[in-house]
Each structure stands twice: as C-alpha cells, then as structure tokens.
Amino acid sequence: MKDIALFNVTIQAFIYAPVVYFIWVSILLSIKKLIFVRVERFAGRTSSKLDDILLSALNFPLVLLIFVSGIFIVERISPIQSDSEIFKYFLVGFRTTTVIAIILFLDKLFTNLISTYSLKIEILKASGGVARTVVRIIVISLGLLILLDSFGVSITPILASLGIGSLAVALALQPTLENFFSGIQIIIDKPVQLGHFIKLESGEEGYVEKLGWRSTWIRMLPNNVVVIPNKVLVNSRILNYYYPQTEMAVLVQVGVHYGSDLKKVERVTIEVGKEVMREVKGGVPEFEPFIRYHTFNSSSIDFTVILRAKEFVDNYLVKHEFIKKLQERYAKEGIVIPFPIRAINYDQEKAA
C-alpha cells in the first residue's frame, strides 16, 4: 500500500488505512442497525414468521460482510500490487469470508425454518433434529465445494466420486429411500394426519399415532400399535373418518312387525333418537334424526335410523344407548320387533 498526500501532508499507509477502515465499518454498521430496527418493527406487526426468520439469519453474516467490505474499500483507495503476496492473501481471505458468510446465512435460515415449522408438520415433530442435521450437512458440503472451486481446486473428481458413492448408497438403501420419499408424499398430499382415525383396505383401523420418515404408526382400538411402511400406506386405499370433518352419520338397522302403524313407528323412533342425541356423550344435540323405510323383509318391515356422532369412536356408544332406549320405548308403545319366522311344511317333509 502506498502513502497518500493530503493538504501537502504525507500520510503513511499504516496510519490512514485503519482510520478509513474504522469509518467505513462504523457507517455501514449504523446504517444496518437503523434499517434492521425499522424492518423488525414492520415484521413484528405481520402474522408471518418468515420475515423474522430471514432477519435473524441475515444479521451475523451481514456484519461479517461489512467488516470484509472495509478491507476491500481500503484496498480500492490504495491498491495493492496485483503480483504481491499480500494481494493474493487478500483475495483468498475475501473469498473465504464471503463464502463463510453465505454458508452461515443459509445454515441458520434453514435451521430456523425447520425449528419454527416442525410443530406444524407432523413428520418433523419427532424427527426435526435429523432434518436439521441433514440440511446442515448439505449446506456446509456445498459451501466447501464452492470454496475449493474458488481456490482453483478442481471439484470435478470430487463430484464424480460423490455421484458414484451416492448411486451405490441409493441401491443399498432402496427400500428405505422408497419409504422416505413416500413419507414426503404423505406430507405434501396429506391423506392422513396425526390424530386422524383411518381404516386401511387390509383391515387395520385406528388413530394415527406417529408419522415418521420410514413408517406410520397406527394405534388400534384394542390399544395395540401397528407399524405400516410409508410405501404400503401410499399404495393402499385409505378410509379417513376425519375427512371432510370428524362428525359422521350413525346408521342403525331396525325392523318392525307388518301389523305396525308405520307413522307411529316413525314418530316414536325419532323421539328416541332426539333423546339420545341430547343425552348421550358423543351425540350431536342439534342434529335432527330421521328414518327411511326400505325393505319388505320375510318377517318385518325394515328401515334405517340415521343418527349423528361427533367422531368415529362415539358411534359405538350412540348405537348402544339408542338400541336400549328404543327397545324399552317400543315395549311401552306396543310396537313389536318380530322374531325371524320359519315355516315348516310337514306334508312335504313326510313325502320326502
């Protein structure tokens, strides 16, 4: 670096360089603080957390770049000879610091994103730490490759080695990777979510207890857990009792004698249904029960009673209480629920 003359006064480099550096860095830090204060106030009034995460990730890397830019400004005022060793060290330091700042920014950005939204994504609740580790390894690895490339080191052999190694690992872990990507598909498509009551075409049914990278855990009503690989879950037909809502219709099949007054049967049955909806835990009080006659059976006229439960497991108690109360009320009203009738032709039997 060369000395400079100011007002016929020669100022040596080791004197003015620190002063210029200090002034430049101080100005930029003050501007950064002023801008950040205003942006943080604006971000505090928004409902989204993305702006807060971005500011938090940008804070330290931006300070690091400001300090590096001070050295760059000093060099521009008093250029260093391009063929000197100091100039080479300067370029290496500038590139290294810039790449490190970018790595720190991306690392903190993705880490904060996973930490913030892991509570909203079921698969990340139990494996958020693994996801953060994987993302950190990827970011740091890419940063090191860029750094090596900036130093003139050929990264083509490294990339070729990584490609061959990745292919070998992918072949060895093919079943695991299938389940992994199936888990990602479940996250995106959301056919099931934590806490939903589902039934698979293979017959298993229960509450979704855990959504993992490799498998999904379902707690069945006997309180046993069945672990299903994500690949099987994705390729299976799923009946989700929580879509589009948790409330569901409860259908009860009933039959009455052919001599019954069907209008009276309808009125009495609906009254019992309303009573059950009001009094039984799990019923929907505001729902109006109704019936539909549908079959002239061999010994009865059959109909369906339509009730409503708040969720799937409530339908058992609703049916239980409804059948008890309906049988009691029918007995009081003289409504007969017939036994199955079988006629035997004795003459035909004797002839045989």
Protein backbone atom coordinates (compact mmCIF):
# COMPACT_ATOMS: atom_id res chain seq x y z
CA MET A 1 0.00 0.00 0.00
CA LYS A 2 1.17 3.49 -0.84
CA ASP A 3 1.29 6.65 1.27
CA ILE A 4 -1.11 9.42 0.28
CA ALA A 5 -0.72 13.19 0.33
CA LEU A 6 -3.49 15.31 1.86
CA PHE A 7 -3.12 19.14 2.02
CA ASN A 8 0.61 18.74 1.30
CA VAL A 9 0.88 16.37 4.23
CA THR A 10 2.05 12.83 3.57
CA ILE A 11 0.08 10.26 5.49
CA GLN A 12 1.55 6.84 5.78
CA ALA A 13 -0.49 3.76 4.95
CA PHE A 14 -0.35 2.23 8.42
CA ILE A 15 -1.99 5.43 9.76
CA TYR A 16 -4.78 6.18 7.28
CA ALA A 17 -5.71 2.55 6.49
CA PRO A 18 -7.10 1.76 9.99
CA VAL A 19 -8.89 5.14 10.09
CA VAL A 20 -10.60 4.58 6.72
CA TYR A 21 -11.45 1.04 7.70
CA PHE A 22 -12.95 2.14 11.04
CA ILE A 23 -15.01 4.94 9.48
CA TRP A 24 -16.36 2.73 6.70
CA VAL A 25 -17.32 -0.11 9.02
CA SER A 26 -18.90 2.27 11.55
CA ILE A 27 -21.04 3.94 8.89
CA LEU A 28 -22.26 0.64 7.45
CA LEU A 29 -22.98 -0.82 10.90
CA SER A 30 -25.00 2.29 11.80
CA ILE A 31 -26.98 2.08 8.55
CA LYS A 32 -27.56 -1.64 9.10
CA LYS A 33 -28.79 -1.08 12.64
CA LEU A 34 -31.13 1.72 11.55
CA ILE A 35 -32.60 -0.38 8.73
CA PHE A 36 -32.90 -3.51 10.90
CA VAL A 37 -34.75 -1.62 13.65
CA ARG A 38 -37.37 -0.38 11.19
CA VAL A 39 -37.67 -3.70 9.40
CA GLU A 40 -38.02 -5.55 12.73
CA ARG A 41 -40.84 -3.21 13.75
CA PHE A 42 -42.61 -3.92 10.49
CA ALA A 43 -42.00 -7.68 10.85
CA GLY A 44 -43.42 -7.60 14.37
CA ARG A 45 -46.74 -6.37 13.00
CA THR A 46 -47.05 -9.15 10.41
CA SER A 47 -48.57 -12.55 11.11
CA SER A 48 -45.95 -14.43 9.11
CA LYS A 49 -42.76 -15.63 10.78
CA LEU A 50 -40.75 -15.78 7.56
CA ASP A 51 -39.59 -12.17 7.85
CA ASP A 52 -38.41 -12.72 11.43
CA ILE A 53 -36.53 -15.85 10.41
CA LEU A 54 -34.91 -14.04 7.47
CA LEU A 55 -33.76 -11.13 9.62
CA SER A 56 -32.34 -13.45 12.28
CA ALA A 57 -30.41 -15.45 9.67
CA LEU A 58 -29.14 -12.33 7.89
CA ASN A 59 -27.88 -10.49 10.99
CA PHE A 60 -24.44 -12.00 11.68
CA PRO A 61 -23.45 -12.83 8.05
CA LEU A 62 -24.22 -9.22 7.10
CA VAL A 63 -21.97 -7.95 9.89
CA LEU A 64 -19.23 -10.27 8.68
CA LEU A 65 -19.56 -8.95 5.12
CA ILE A 66 -19.44 -5.36 6.38
CA PHE A 67 -16.11 -5.99 8.10
CA VAL A 68 -14.76 -7.64 4.96
CA SER A 69 -16.00 -4.77 2.78
CA GLY A 70 -13.93 -2.38 4.89
CA ILE A 71 -10.77 -4.16 3.80
CA PHE A 72 -11.97 -4.04 0.19
CA ILE A 73 -12.57 -0.25 0.40
CA VAL A 74 -9.09 0.34 1.86
CA GLU A 75 -7.61 -1.68 -0.99
CA ARG A 76 -9.55 0.37 -3.55
CA ILE A 77 -8.26 3.65 -2.09
CA SER A 78 -4.70 2.44 -2.07
CA PRO A 79 -4.42 -0.57 -4.41
CA ILE A 80 -2.12 -3.40 -3.55
CA GLN A 81 0.19 -4.59 -6.31
CA SER A 82 -1.54 -7.49 -8.05
CA ASP A 83 1.64 -9.55 -8.20
CA SER A 84 2.43 -9.24 -4.50
CA GLU A 85 1.89 -11.97 -1.93
CA ILE A 86 -0.28 -9.63 0.17
CA PHE A 87 -2.71 -9.19 -2.74
CA LYS A 88 -3.04 -12.97 -3.13
CA TYR A 89 -3.71 -13.39 0.58
CA PHE A 90 -6.21 -10.56 0.39
CA LEU A 91 -8.18 -12.24 -2.38
CA VAL A 92 -8.15 -15.59 -0.61
CA GLY A 93 -9.35 -14.01 2.63
CA PHE A 94 -12.08 -12.05 0.85
CA ARG A 95 -13.41 -15.11 -0.98
CA THR A 96 -13.22 -17.31 2.09
CA THR A 97 -15.07 -14.82 4.28
CA THR A 98 -17.76 -14.25 1.65
CA VAL A 99 -18.40 -17.98 1.23
CA ILE A 100 -18.44 -18.48 5.02
CA ALA A 101 -20.97 -15.66 5.39
CA ILE A 102 -23.24 -17.25 2.77
CA ILE A 103 -22.90 -20.66 4.46
CA LEU A 104 -23.79 -19.20 7.85
CA PHE A 105 -26.78 -17.39 6.38
CA LEU A 106 -28.21 -20.46 4.63
CA ASP A 107 -27.45 -22.73 7.59
CA LYS A 108 -29.28 -20.52 10.08
CA LEU A 109 -32.10 -19.80 7.64
CA PHE A 110 -32.95 -23.46 7.01
CA THR A 111 -32.37 -24.44 10.65
CA ASN A 112 -34.76 -21.76 11.88
CA LEU A 113 -37.32 -22.67 9.23
CA ILE A 114 -37.29 -26.32 10.33
CA SER A 115 -37.41 -25.39 14.03
CA THR A 116 -40.30 -22.97 13.52
CA TYR A 117 -42.48 -25.07 11.24
CA SER A 118 -41.67 -28.50 12.67
CA LEU A 119 -44.58 -28.09 15.10
CA LYS A 120 -46.95 -27.67 12.15
CA ILE A 121 -45.59 -30.56 10.09
CA GLU A 122 -46.29 -33.85 11.84
CA ILE A 123 -43.34 -35.77 10.42
CA LEU A 124 -40.90 -33.15 11.75
CA LYS A 125 -42.22 -33.22 15.32
CA ALA A 126 -40.38 -36.43 16.08
CA SER A 127 -37.52 -36.06 13.59
CA GLY A 128 -36.81 -32.35 13.38
CA GLY A 129 -33.28 -32.89 14.72
CA VAL A 130 -32.48 -35.35 11.93
CA ALA A 131 -33.82 -32.94 9.31
CA ARG A 132 -31.72 -30.07 10.70
CA THR A 133 -28.60 -32.25 10.67
CA VAL A 134 -29.17 -33.38 7.08
CA VAL A 135 -29.78 -29.82 5.86
CA ARG A 136 -26.70 -28.55 7.70
CA ILE A 137 -24.51 -31.24 6.15
CA ILE A 138 -25.81 -30.40 2.66
CA VAL A 139 -25.28 -26.64 3.08
CA ILE A 140 -21.78 -26.99 4.53
CA SER A 141 -20.76 -29.54 1.88
CA LEU A 142 -21.91 -27.29 -0.97
CA GLY A 143 -20.15 -24.33 0.64
CA LEU A 144 -16.87 -26.26 0.90
CA LEU A 145 -17.12 -27.31 -2.75
CA ILE A 146 -17.68 -23.69 -3.82
CA LEU A 147 -14.75 -22.62 -1.63
CA LEU A 148 -12.45 -25.21 -3.16
CA ASP A 149 -13.53 -24.17 -6.64
CA SER A 150 -12.77 -20.51 -5.84
CA PHE A 151 -9.25 -21.54 -4.80
CA GLY A 152 -8.71 -23.17 -8.18
CA VAL A 153 -9.07 -26.74 -6.91
CA SER A 154 -10.86 -28.94 -9.44
CA ILE A 155 -14.02 -30.32 -7.88
CA THR A 156 -14.97 -32.49 -10.89
CA PRO A 157 -13.28 -35.64 -9.46
CA ILE A 158 -14.97 -34.96 -6.11
CA LEU A 159 -18.38 -34.62 -7.76
CA ALA A 160 -17.79 -37.78 -9.79
CA SER A 161 -16.83 -39.68 -6.62
CA LEU A 162 -19.88 -38.34 -4.80
CA GLY A 163 -22.11 -39.36 -7.72
CA ILE A 164 -20.78 -42.92 -7.78
CA GLY A 165 -20.95 -43.15 -3.99
CA SER A 166 -24.49 -41.77 -3.93
CA LEU A 167 -25.59 -44.31 -6.54
CA ALA A 168 -24.13 -47.17 -4.51
CA VAL A 169 -25.79 -45.91 -1.32
CA ALA A 170 -29.11 -45.43 -3.14
CA LEU A 171 -29.06 -49.02 -4.42
CA ALA A 172 -28.18 -50.37 -0.99
CA LEU A 173 -30.88 -48.31 0.73
CA GLN A 174 -33.56 -48.61 -1.95
CA PRO A 175 -36.36 -49.87 0.39
CA THR A 176 -35.53 -47.19 2.95
CA LEU A 177 -35.46 -44.46 0.31
CA GLU A 178 -38.82 -45.65 -1.08
CA ASN A 179 -40.36 -45.27 2.36
CA PHE A 180 -38.59 -41.93 2.84
CA PHE A 181 -39.99 -40.40 -0.35
CA SER A 182 -43.38 -41.94 0.38
CA GLY A 183 -43.26 -40.09 3.72
CA ILE A 184 -42.57 -36.85 1.86
CA GLN A 185 -45.54 -37.61 -0.41
CA ILE A 186 -47.75 -38.10 2.66
CA ILE A 187 -46.62 -34.71 3.99
CA ILE A 188 -47.41 -32.94 0.73
CA ASP A 189 -50.65 -34.74 -0.16
CA LYS A 190 -51.89 -35.06 3.47
CA PRO A 191 -54.18 -38.09 3.05
CA VAL A 192 -53.77 -38.65 6.80
CA GLN A 193 -52.62 -36.50 9.69
CA LEU A 194 -51.67 -37.09 13.30
CA GLY A 195 -54.74 -37.95 15.38
CA HIS A 196 -56.94 -38.98 12.45
CA PHE A 197 -58.92 -42.21 12.67
CA ILE A 198 -58.33 -44.23 9.50
CA LYS A 199 -59.04 -47.67 8.08
CA LEU A 200 -56.83 -49.41 5.51
CA GLU A 201 -58.01 -51.78 2.82
CA SER A 202 -56.12 -54.55 4.63
CA GLY A 203 -58.46 -54.09 7.61
CA GLU A 204 -56.31 -52.23 10.13
CA GLU A 205 -58.04 -49.24 11.67
CA GLY A 206 -57.16 -46.82 14.43
CA TYR A 207 -55.70 -43.43 15.31
CA VAL A 208 -52.60 -42.16 13.52
CA GLU A 209 -50.12 -42.08 16.38
CA LYS A 210 -46.91 -41.12 14.57
CA LEU A 211 -45.84 -40.05 11.09
CA GLY A 212 -42.19 -40.93 10.60
CA TRP A 213 -39.69 -40.81 7.75
CA ARG A 214 -39.89 -44.58 7.24
CA SER A 215 -43.21 -45.70 8.70
CA THR A 216 -46.56 -44.62 10.10
CA TRP A 217 -47.78 -45.86 13.47
CA ILE A 218 -51.49 -46.56 13.98
CA ARG A 219 -52.92 -47.17 17.46
CA MET A 220 -55.87 -49.51 17.12
CA LEU A 221 -58.86 -49.54 19.46
CA PRO A 222 -57.51 -52.53 21.49
CA ASN A 223 -54.60 -50.14 22.29
CA ASN A 224 -52.13 -52.05 20.13
CA VAL A 225 -49.92 -50.27 17.62
CA VAL A 226 -49.49 -51.44 14.04
CA VAL A 227 -46.46 -50.05 12.19
CA ILE A 228 -47.05 -49.62 8.46
CA PRO A 229 -44.24 -48.74 6.00
CA ASN A 230 -44.96 -45.46 4.25
CA LYS A 231 -44.71 -47.18 0.86
CA VAL A 232 -47.56 -49.53 1.80
CA LEU A 233 -49.63 -46.64 3.16
CA VAL A 234 -49.22 -44.58 0.00
CA ASN A 235 -50.25 -47.50 -2.24
CA SER A 236 -53.20 -48.50 -0.05
CA ARG A 237 -56.81 -47.33 -0.19
CA ILE A 238 -57.45 -45.35 2.98
CA LEU A 239 -60.81 -44.58 4.59
CA ASN A 240 -60.27 -41.46 6.68
CA TYR A 241 -63.10 -40.95 9.17
CA TYR A 242 -61.88 -37.41 9.90
CA TYR A 243 -62.38 -36.08 6.36
CA PRO A 244 -64.09 -33.80 5.49
CA GLN A 245 -64.98 -33.44 9.19
CA THR A 246 -64.97 -35.53 12.36
CA GLU A 247 -68.77 -35.73 12.62
CA MET A 248 -70.25 -38.80 10.96
CA ALA A 249 -73.61 -40.42 10.36
CA VAL A 250 -74.59 -43.38 12.56
CA LEU A 251 -76.84 -45.87 10.78
CA VAL A 252 -78.94 -48.33 12.83
CA GLN A 253 -80.95 -51.04 11.07
CA VAL A 254 -84.36 -51.80 12.64
CA GLY A 255 -87.35 -53.99 11.66
CA VAL A 256 -90.97 -53.88 12.92
CA HIS A 257 -93.97 -56.18 12.57
CA TYR A 258 -96.14 -55.98 9.45
CA GLY A 259 -99.13 -55.01 11.60
CA SER A 260 -97.38 -51.91 13.00
CA ASP A 261 -98.61 -48.35 12.43
CA LEU A 262 -95.66 -47.04 10.39
CA LYS A 263 -96.44 -43.39 11.14
CA LYS A 264 -96.39 -44.12 14.86
CA VAL A 265 -93.19 -46.14 14.47
CA GLU A 266 -91.55 -43.19 12.72
CA ARG A 267 -92.67 -40.68 15.35
CA VAL A 268 -91.60 -42.83 18.32
CA THR A 269 -88.26 -43.74 16.76
CA ILE A 270 -87.40 -40.09 16.01
CA GLU A 271 -88.33 -39.09 19.57
CA VAL A 272 -85.95 -41.72 20.95
CA GLY A 273 -83.27 -40.57 18.52
CA LYS A 274 -83.59 -36.94 19.65
CA GLU A 275 -83.36 -38.05 23.27
CA VAL A 276 -80.17 -39.97 22.54
CA MET A 277 -78.66 -37.01 20.66
CA ARG A 278 -79.28 -34.75 23.67
CA GLU A 279 -78.26 -37.06 26.50
CA VAL A 280 -75.54 -39.37 25.22
CA LYS A 281 -71.94 -38.18 25.25
CA GLY A 282 -70.70 -38.09 21.69
CA GLY A 283 -74.09 -37.34 20.15
CA VAL A 284 -74.78 -34.14 18.19
CA PRO A 285 -77.61 -32.36 20.08
CA GLU A 286 -78.59 -30.04 17.20
CA PHE A 287 -78.95 -32.91 14.72
CA GLU A 288 -82.49 -33.99 13.76
CA PRO A 289 -82.65 -37.81 13.50
CA PHE A 290 -84.77 -39.34 10.74
CA ILE A 291 -85.68 -42.79 9.41
CA ARG A 292 -86.08 -44.31 5.95
CA TYR A 293 -88.15 -47.43 5.27
CA HIS A 294 -86.52 -49.55 2.61
CA THR A 295 -87.39 -53.29 2.65
CA PHE A 296 -90.38 -55.65 2.96
CA ASN A 297 -88.47 -58.46 4.59
CA SER A 298 -89.62 -62.03 5.25
CA SER A 299 -90.89 -61.26 8.77
CA SER A 300 -90.58 -57.47 9.16
CA ILE A 301 -90.66 -54.10 7.52
CA ASP A 302 -87.07 -52.84 7.72
CA PHE A 303 -85.84 -49.28 7.95
CA THR A 304 -82.67 -47.35 8.72
CA VAL A 305 -82.38 -44.84 11.56
CA ILE A 306 -79.92 -42.02 10.83
CA LEU A 307 -78.23 -40.52 13.89
CA ARG A 308 -75.04 -38.49 14.20
CA ALA A 309 -71.86 -38.82 16.29
CA LYS A 310 -69.10 -36.29 16.92
CA GLU A 311 -66.40 -38.74 15.83
CA PHE A 312 -65.92 -42.36 14.85
CA VAL A 313 -65.49 -43.95 18.29
CA ASP A 314 -68.59 -42.16 19.58
CA ASN A 315 -70.80 -44.15 17.22
CA TYR A 316 -70.45 -47.26 19.43
CA LEU A 317 -71.91 -45.56 22.50
CA VAL A 318 -74.60 -43.79 20.44
CA LYS A 319 -75.76 -47.11 18.95
CA HIS A 320 -75.57 -48.82 22.33
CA GLU A 321 -77.78 -46.29 24.10
CA PHE A 322 -80.16 -45.90 21.17
CA ILE A 323 -80.88 -49.66 20.94
CA LYS A 324 -81.52 -49.86 24.70
CA LYS A 325 -83.85 -46.87 24.76
CA LEU A 326 -85.63 -47.89 21.53
CA GLN A 327 -86.38 -51.40 22.77
CA GLU A 328 -87.71 -50.02 26.05
CA ARG A 329 -89.87 -47.42 24.30
CA TYR A 330 -91.23 -49.93 21.75
CA ALA A 331 -92.29 -52.20 24.61
CA LYS A 332 -94.24 -49.33 26.20
CA GLU A 333 -95.84 -48.29 22.90
CA GLY A 334 -96.78 -51.84 21.90
CA ILE A 335 -94.55 -51.82 18.82
CA VAL A 336 -93.32 -55.31 18.02
CA ILE A 337 -89.86 -56.17 16.75
CA PRO A 338 -90.59 -59.62 15.26
CA PHE A 339 -88.51 -62.74 15.58
CA PRO A 340 -87.41 -64.37 12.33
CA ILE A 341 -90.22 -66.66 11.11
CA ARG A 342 -89.54 -70.06 9.60
CA ALA A 343 -92.45 -72.11 8.18
CA ILE A 344 -92.12 -75.89 8.06
CA ASN A 345 -94.30 -77.91 5.64
CA TYR A 346 -94.87 -81.22 7.45
CA ASP A 347 -96.67 -82.82 4.50
CA GLN A 348 -93.74 -82.08 2.24
CA GLU A 349 -91.30 -83.38 4.85
CA LYS A 350 -93.32 -86.63 5.21
CA ALA A 351 -93.47 -87.05 1.47
CA ALA A 352 -89.70 -86.67 1.27
